[in-house]
Amino acid sequence: MKMKLLLPTLILALRGAQALVARDASCAFQLTTTSGIPLGQLDDGQVRTNLPPATFYLSSTGGITDAQGRGCILTRTPFPLFLLHSIHTALTSPPSTAQTSQFQCDDGASPTPGFSISCDAGTLSHDGTSSFFACATGADATANIYTTSIDPVCTPLTLSTTTCRPCPPPPPAPPSSCPLTLSNGAFEFPHLIVPISPLSPTTAYGTVFAPSISPTRTALFAFDIPPTAAGKTCTLVFLFPLQSALRTSSFSLGGAASALLAFARLAAPPDLGTTFATRPAPGADYGAVRVVPGNAYGVVSGACEAGARVGYSLAAADAESELTYFQDWNPAP
């Protein structure tokens, strides 16, 4: 592994283009119950179990429509609800507009918002609740779907799908070779690597060959740019080969697969006596880079500061990242 300035350089990075796809605002999915029974629809849009699977569409705002473009809603029906077990309540209670919560899709209806699908199990939820109920219709062993139980014989269940899960993509697999191709030219390795720590703010550690970067440890680098670099372009490069490709170097990520590192220019280079308390003021902030073994990273490019000593810092950009490595002089694999 090396952190170095490359001069001169002409880097042509040919990488797979990431197309910008204009995706439909909704995502198609089908639903099954806890026991694997599919949800279908009647011609009028009612959603029932034990029918041929129906296709629904979830919008980015949490509304659902069906394949005919009908808005899926949770119905509201005024009492009395003429259920056998509740006749007495219906006859003795004043009229109400309580929500019966039946899930169905109606022509001209605006979709009820608040639906979502979980990443892990693909579970459908409404307003954060994944509990639904199947209430028998008495017709062909089908059941309507509700978000609340309307009868003691209703069966609690969950609804799930194998699509539309909002899961983040997995991290890319390390490539077989570094994606940053460096042209032949002069390389300048750091002449000082000075560790500093807020835990020992007045301790001067001098220079090291194996810097350690963590939330409590930062490494400062000093590069000497030769006068012959005048008029050329310098690029700060961080090479991070696979461990299996290293001959005389090694690294540790503290058990993680990657590290989020913050690169920055210093207003002045460090020296052997630099401590956390006397560290140079920050210069340009180059942002954070998620580094993964098997890659090379071009951090910043610009006109070479011929004849000058320049300084950079390398720090952990979050509370979990750790990296310890040996600064090797051998050619990158």
Protein backbone atom coordinates (compact mmCIF):
# COMPACT_ATOMS: atom_id res chain seq x y z
CA MET A 1 0.00 0.00 0.00
CA LYS A 2 1.29 3.44 -0.85
CA MET A 3 0.17 6.97 -0.51
CA LYS A 4 2.13 9.08 -2.95
CA LEU A 5 2.18 11.97 -5.35
CA LEU A 6 2.42 11.07 -8.99
CA LEU A 7 4.14 13.44 -11.38
CA PRO A 8 3.66 13.97 -14.22
CA THR A 9 0.48 12.03 -14.87
CA LEU A 10 -2.15 11.55 -17.49
CA ILE A 11 -4.87 9.30 -16.09
CA LEU A 12 -7.53 8.00 -18.39
CA ALA A 13 -10.04 6.07 -16.26
CA LEU A 14 -12.32 3.96 -18.42
CA ARG A 15 -15.02 2.60 -16.13
CA GLY A 16 -18.45 1.16 -16.68
CA ALA A 17 -20.88 4.00 -17.26
CA GLN A 18 -23.69 4.29 -14.75
CA ALA A 19 -26.75 5.05 -16.84
CA LEU A 20 -29.33 7.44 -15.46
CA VAL A 21 -32.53 5.49 -15.88
CA ALA A 22 -35.83 7.32 -15.72
CA ARG A 23 -37.62 4.86 -13.45
CA ASP A 24 -41.35 4.74 -13.12
CA ALA A 25 -42.49 6.40 -9.89
CA SER A 26 -44.08 3.11 -8.77
CA CYS A 27 -42.81 -0.41 -8.20
CA ALA A 28 -44.77 -3.54 -9.18
CA PHE A 29 -45.35 -6.28 -6.61
CA GLN A 30 -47.65 -9.17 -5.68
CA LEU A 31 -48.73 -10.16 -2.19
CA THR A 32 -49.00 -13.43 -0.30
CA THR A 33 -50.25 -14.14 3.20
CA THR A 34 -48.29 -15.62 6.09
CA SER A 35 -49.22 -19.11 4.88
CA GLY A 36 -48.27 -18.36 1.27
CA ILE A 37 -51.80 -17.78 -0.09
CA PRO A 38 -51.81 -15.23 -2.94
CA LEU A 39 -53.95 -12.10 -2.93
CA GLY A 40 -56.11 -11.45 -5.98
CA GLN A 41 -58.97 -9.17 -6.92
CA LEU A 42 -62.59 -9.30 -7.93
CA ASP A 43 -63.64 -7.36 -11.01
CA ASP A 44 -64.82 -4.50 -8.80
CA GLY A 45 -61.36 -4.16 -7.18
CA GLN A 46 -61.95 -5.93 -3.87
CA VAL A 47 -58.79 -7.62 -2.64
CA ARG A 48 -59.29 -11.21 -1.52
CA THR A 49 -57.34 -14.32 -0.71
CA ASN A 50 -57.44 -17.51 -2.80
CA LEU A 51 -57.81 -15.69 -6.11
CA PRO A 52 -55.30 -15.57 -9.00
CA PRO A 53 -52.42 -13.27 -7.97
CA ALA A 54 -53.01 -9.59 -8.63
CA THR A 55 -50.30 -7.04 -9.38
CA PHE A 56 -50.10 -3.83 -7.37
CA TYR A 57 -47.90 -0.75 -7.64
CA LEU A 58 -46.32 1.10 -4.71
CA SER A 59 -45.52 4.76 -5.28
CA SER A 60 -42.71 6.73 -3.68
CA THR A 61 -45.32 8.45 -1.49
CA GLY A 62 -46.64 5.19 -0.03
CA GLY A 63 -49.81 4.90 -2.12
CA ILE A 64 -50.88 1.68 -3.84
CA THR A 65 -52.68 1.27 -7.17
CA ASP A 66 -53.71 -1.89 -9.00
CA ALA A 67 -53.04 -3.01 -12.57
CA GLN A 68 -56.14 -1.11 -13.77
CA GLY A 69 -54.87 2.13 -12.23
CA ARG A 70 -57.46 2.13 -9.46
CA GLY A 71 -56.46 3.69 -6.16
CA CYS A 72 -56.23 1.21 -3.28
CA ILE A 73 -57.85 2.49 -0.13
CA LEU A 74 -58.94 1.58 3.37
CA THR A 75 -62.70 1.98 3.19
CA ARG A 76 -64.92 3.97 5.53
CA THR A 77 -68.47 2.71 6.06
CA PRO A 78 -71.05 4.25 8.41
CA PHE A 79 -72.62 2.09 11.12
CA PRO A 80 -74.74 0.10 11.65
CA LEU A 81 -72.50 -2.75 10.58
CA PHE A 82 -74.89 -5.68 10.31
CA LEU A 83 -72.62 -8.37 11.66
CA LEU A 84 -74.41 -11.09 13.63
CA HIS A 85 -72.30 -10.67 16.74
CA SER A 86 -72.77 -6.88 16.86
CA ILE A 87 -76.44 -6.31 16.08
CA HIS A 88 -77.17 -5.21 19.61
CA THR A 89 -74.31 -2.69 19.57
CA ALA A 90 -75.37 -1.37 16.19
CA LEU A 91 -78.95 -0.86 17.26
CA THR A 92 -78.09 0.85 20.53
CA SER A 93 -75.20 3.04 19.36
CA PRO A 94 -75.52 6.32 17.47
CA PRO A 95 -74.46 6.40 13.82
CA SER A 96 -70.72 6.66 13.24
CA THR A 97 -68.30 7.08 10.38
CA ALA A 98 -65.76 4.73 11.92
CA GLN A 99 -63.30 3.18 9.49
CA THR A 100 -63.90 -0.47 8.71
CA SER A 101 -60.39 -0.60 7.20
CA GLN A 102 -61.12 -2.97 4.31
CA PHE A 103 -58.32 -2.96 1.76
CA GLN A 104 -59.68 -2.59 -1.77
CA CYS A 105 -59.06 -0.64 -4.99
CA ASP A 106 -61.76 1.64 -6.43
CA ASP A 107 -62.19 3.53 -9.67
CA GLY A 108 -61.42 7.23 -9.27
CA ALA A 109 -60.18 6.78 -5.69
CA SER A 110 -57.02 8.48 -4.45
CA PRO A 111 -54.67 5.87 -2.95
CA THR A 112 -54.50 5.80 0.84
CA PRO A 113 -50.95 6.90 1.76
CA GLY A 114 -48.73 5.36 4.42
CA PHE A 115 -47.95 1.95 2.92
CA SER A 116 -44.38 0.63 2.90
CA ILE A 117 -42.45 -2.60 2.30
CA SER A 118 -39.63 -3.68 4.60
CA CYS A 119 -36.17 -4.57 3.33
CA ASP A 120 -35.56 -7.73 5.35
CA ALA A 121 -38.73 -9.80 4.84
CA GLY A 122 -40.62 -7.73 2.26
CA THR A 123 -43.46 -7.20 4.74
CA LEU A 124 -46.22 -4.76 3.82
CA SER A 125 -47.04 -2.20 6.51
CA HIS A 126 -49.46 0.68 6.84
CA ASP A 127 -48.43 3.58 9.05
CA GLY A 128 -45.70 1.36 10.50
CA THR A 129 -48.02 -1.53 11.41
CA SER A 130 -47.71 -4.87 9.58
CA SER A 131 -50.78 -6.51 11.17
CA PHE A 132 -53.63 -7.36 8.80
CA PHE A 133 -56.70 -9.57 9.14
CA ALA A 134 -58.40 -12.01 6.75
CA CYS A 135 -62.15 -12.06 7.32
CA ALA A 136 -64.11 -14.82 5.58
CA THR A 137 -66.65 -13.76 2.97
CA GLY A 138 -68.47 -17.10 2.86
CA ALA A 139 -67.84 -17.32 -0.89
CA ASP A 140 -65.46 -19.98 -2.26
CA ALA A 141 -63.18 -19.94 0.81
CA THR A 142 -62.08 -16.39 0.05
CA ALA A 143 -61.46 -13.67 2.61
CA ASN A 144 -61.37 -9.90 2.49
CA ILE A 145 -58.35 -8.06 3.91
CA TYR A 146 -58.64 -5.53 6.75
CA THR A 147 -56.23 -3.59 8.91
CA THR A 148 -58.46 -4.14 11.97
CA SER A 149 -60.47 -7.17 13.00
CA ILE A 150 -64.19 -6.76 12.34
CA ASP A 151 -65.26 -10.16 13.67
CA PRO A 152 -63.94 -12.66 16.25
CA VAL A 153 -63.37 -15.22 13.51
CA CYS A 154 -61.04 -12.96 11.51
CA THR A 155 -57.55 -14.40 11.17
CA PRO A 156 -54.50 -12.22 11.89
CA LEU A 157 -51.77 -12.36 9.27
CA THR A 158 -48.98 -10.47 7.56
CA LEU A 159 -48.63 -9.73 3.87
CA SER A 160 -45.33 -9.94 2.07
CA THR A 161 -43.71 -9.65 -1.34
CA THR A 162 -40.42 -10.53 -2.95
CA THR A 163 -40.08 -7.24 -4.82
CA CYS A 164 -40.01 -3.49 -4.09
CA ARG A 165 -37.81 -3.97 -1.04
CA PRO A 166 -35.92 -0.74 -0.27
CA CYS A 167 -32.64 -2.53 0.46
CA PRO A 168 -29.33 -0.77 -0.16
CA PRO A 169 -27.18 -2.45 -2.82
CA PRO A 170 -24.40 -4.73 -1.55
CA PRO A 171 -20.86 -3.34 -1.57
CA PRO A 172 -19.08 -3.96 -4.86
CA ALA A 173 -16.75 -6.93 -5.01
CA PRO A 174 -13.06 -5.97 -5.07
CA PRO A 175 -11.83 -5.89 -8.66
CA SER A 176 -9.04 -8.20 -9.78
CA SER A 177 -6.86 -5.19 -10.51
CA CYS A 178 -6.73 -1.58 -9.44
CA PRO A 179 -9.14 0.53 -11.52
CA LEU A 180 -6.87 3.58 -11.46
CA THR A 181 -4.22 3.13 -14.15
CA LEU A 182 -1.10 5.18 -13.52
CA SER A 183 1.21 6.18 -16.33
CA ASN A 184 4.95 5.87 -16.02
CA GLY A 185 6.53 8.89 -14.40
CA ALA A 186 8.19 10.19 -11.25
CA PHE A 187 6.69 9.12 -7.93
CA GLU A 188 7.20 10.98 -4.72
CA PHE A 189 6.70 9.04 -1.49
CA PRO A 190 6.01 10.82 1.82
CA HIS A 191 9.23 11.80 3.58
CA LEU A 192 7.42 12.14 6.90
CA ILE A 193 4.43 10.30 8.34
CA VAL A 194 3.61 11.90 11.68
CA PRO A 195 0.90 10.40 13.92
CA ILE A 196 -1.07 12.63 16.28
CA SER A 197 -3.79 11.91 18.82
CA PRO A 198 -6.16 14.02 20.93
CA LEU A 199 -5.64 11.47 23.70
CA SER A 200 -2.01 12.64 23.99
CA PRO A 201 -2.21 16.19 22.63
CA THR A 202 1.37 17.19 23.55
CA THR A 203 3.15 13.98 22.53
CA ALA A 204 5.42 14.19 19.48
CA TYR A 205 5.63 10.70 17.97
CA GLY A 206 8.10 11.63 15.22
CA THR A 207 7.85 9.78 11.92
CA VAL A 208 6.62 6.22 11.45
CA PHE A 209 6.36 3.66 8.66
CA ALA A 210 3.12 2.09 9.91
CA PRO A 211 0.54 4.81 10.51
CA SER A 212 -2.70 3.99 12.30
CA ILE A 213 -5.88 5.87 11.47
CA SER A 214 -8.92 5.70 13.77
CA PRO A 215 -11.39 8.05 15.46
CA THR A 216 -8.60 8.95 17.93
CA ARG A 217 -5.57 8.76 15.62
CA THR A 218 -4.70 10.86 12.57
CA ALA A 219 -1.69 10.64 10.26
CA LEU A 220 0.01 13.73 8.78
CA PHE A 221 2.11 13.38 5.61
CA ALA A 222 4.88 15.56 4.20
CA PHE A 223 5.90 15.37 0.52
CA ASP A 224 8.90 17.15 -1.04
CA ILE A 225 8.17 18.21 -4.60
CA PRO A 226 11.37 18.48 -6.68
CA PRO A 227 12.09 21.65 -8.70
CA THR A 228 11.96 19.55 -11.89
CA ALA A 229 8.20 19.20 -11.38
CA ALA A 230 7.62 22.80 -12.52
CA GLY A 231 4.86 23.02 -15.11
CA LYS A 232 3.65 19.49 -14.45
CA THR A 233 0.53 18.02 -12.85
CA CYS A 234 0.63 16.29 -9.48
CA THR A 235 -1.99 13.79 -8.30
CA LEU A 236 -2.39 12.56 -4.75
CA VAL A 237 -3.00 8.82 -5.05
CA PHE A 238 -3.93 6.26 -2.40
CA LEU A 239 -3.14 2.71 -3.55
CA PHE A 240 -4.94 -0.05 -1.62
CA PRO A 241 -4.07 -3.48 -3.08
CA LEU A 242 -5.55 -6.75 -1.90
CA GLN A 243 -3.68 -8.31 1.01
CA SER A 244 -2.96 -11.38 -1.14
CA ALA A 245 -1.13 -9.18 -3.67
CA LEU A 246 1.27 -7.62 -1.16
CA ARG A 247 4.84 -8.87 -0.84
CA THR A 248 6.44 -6.86 1.93
CA SER A 249 3.52 -4.86 3.30
CA SER A 250 0.32 -5.51 5.23
CA PHE A 251 -2.73 -3.70 6.56
CA SER A 252 -5.58 -4.12 9.02
CA LEU A 253 -9.08 -2.68 8.86
CA GLY A 254 -9.96 -3.61 12.43
CA GLY A 255 -12.16 -6.48 11.30
CA ALA A 256 -14.17 -4.41 8.80
CA ALA A 257 -14.27 -4.75 5.02
CA SER A 258 -13.59 -1.08 4.31
CA ALA A 259 -12.88 2.28 5.92
CA LEU A 260 -14.27 5.77 5.44
CA LEU A 261 -11.23 8.07 5.30
CA ALA A 262 -11.08 11.86 5.18
CA PHE A 263 -8.33 13.40 3.03
CA ALA A 264 -7.30 17.03 3.49
CA ARG A 265 -4.54 19.46 2.57
CA LEU A 266 -2.70 21.16 5.43
CA ALA A 267 -1.86 24.85 5.46
CA ALA A 268 1.73 23.85 6.34
CA PRO A 269 3.61 20.54 6.34
CA PRO A 270 4.21 18.66 9.61
CA ASP A 271 7.66 18.16 11.12
CA LEU A 272 9.19 15.69 13.57
CA GLY A 273 8.02 17.74 16.54
CA THR A 274 4.40 18.12 15.44
CA THR A 275 1.80 17.15 18.07
CA PHE A 276 -1.96 17.23 18.14
CA ALA A 277 -1.76 20.56 19.95
CA THR A 278 0.63 22.06 17.37
CA ARG A 279 -0.76 20.45 14.23
CA PRO A 280 -0.91 22.69 11.15
CA ALA A 281 -4.13 24.46 10.39
CA PRO A 282 -6.39 22.74 7.85
CA GLY A 283 -6.23 23.82 4.24
CA ALA A 284 -8.42 22.30 1.54
CA ASP A 285 -10.92 19.59 2.52
CA TYR A 286 -11.01 16.80 -0.08
CA GLY A 287 -13.95 14.99 1.53
CA ALA A 288 -14.39 11.39 2.64
CA VAL A 289 -13.66 8.31 0.54
CA ARG A 290 -14.81 4.77 1.30
CA VAL A 291 -11.65 2.73 0.63
CA VAL A 292 -11.93 -0.97 -0.19
CA PRO A 293 -8.98 -3.34 -0.70
CA GLY A 294 -8.26 -3.98 -4.35
CA ASN A 295 -8.70 -0.37 -5.43
CA ALA A 296 -6.68 2.77 -6.13
CA TYR A 297 -8.00 6.26 -5.46
CA GLY A 298 -7.01 9.51 -7.13
CA VAL A 299 -7.77 12.05 -4.42
CA VAL A 300 -6.92 15.38 -6.03
CA SER A 301 -4.93 16.73 -8.98
CA GLY A 302 -3.38 20.14 -9.61
CA ALA A 303 -0.31 22.04 -10.68
CA CYS A 304 2.82 20.73 -8.94
CA GLU A 305 4.25 23.05 -6.29
CA ALA A 306 7.79 22.63 -7.53
CA GLY A 307 10.51 22.95 -4.88
CA ALA A 308 8.03 23.03 -1.98
CA ARG A 309 7.22 20.70 0.91
CA VAL A 310 3.46 20.09 1.16
CA GLY A 311 1.39 18.44 3.85
CA TYR A 312 -1.73 16.31 3.92
CA SER A 313 -3.77 14.61 6.62
CA LEU A 314 -5.53 11.25 6.67
CA ALA A 315 -8.23 10.74 9.31
CA ALA A 316 -11.20 8.50 10.07
CA ALA A 317 -14.40 10.07 8.75
CA ASP A 318 -16.74 8.19 11.09
CA ALA A 319 -16.74 6.56 14.53
CA GLU A 320 -16.10 3.01 13.26
CA SER A 321 -13.36 3.21 10.64
CA GLU A 322 -9.87 1.96 11.44
CA LEU A 323 -6.85 1.40 9.21
CA THR A 324 -3.30 0.43 10.11
CA TYR A 325 -0.85 -0.20 7.30
CA PHE A 326 2.83 -0.36 6.46
CA GLN A 327 3.98 2.32 4.02
CA ASP A 328 5.79 0.19 1.44
CA TRP A 329 8.31 1.31 -1.16
CA ASN A 330 7.86 -1.67 -3.50
CA PRO A 331 5.94 -1.22 -6.77
CA ALA A 332 2.19 -1.52 -6.52
CA PRO A 333 0.95 -4.94 -7.66
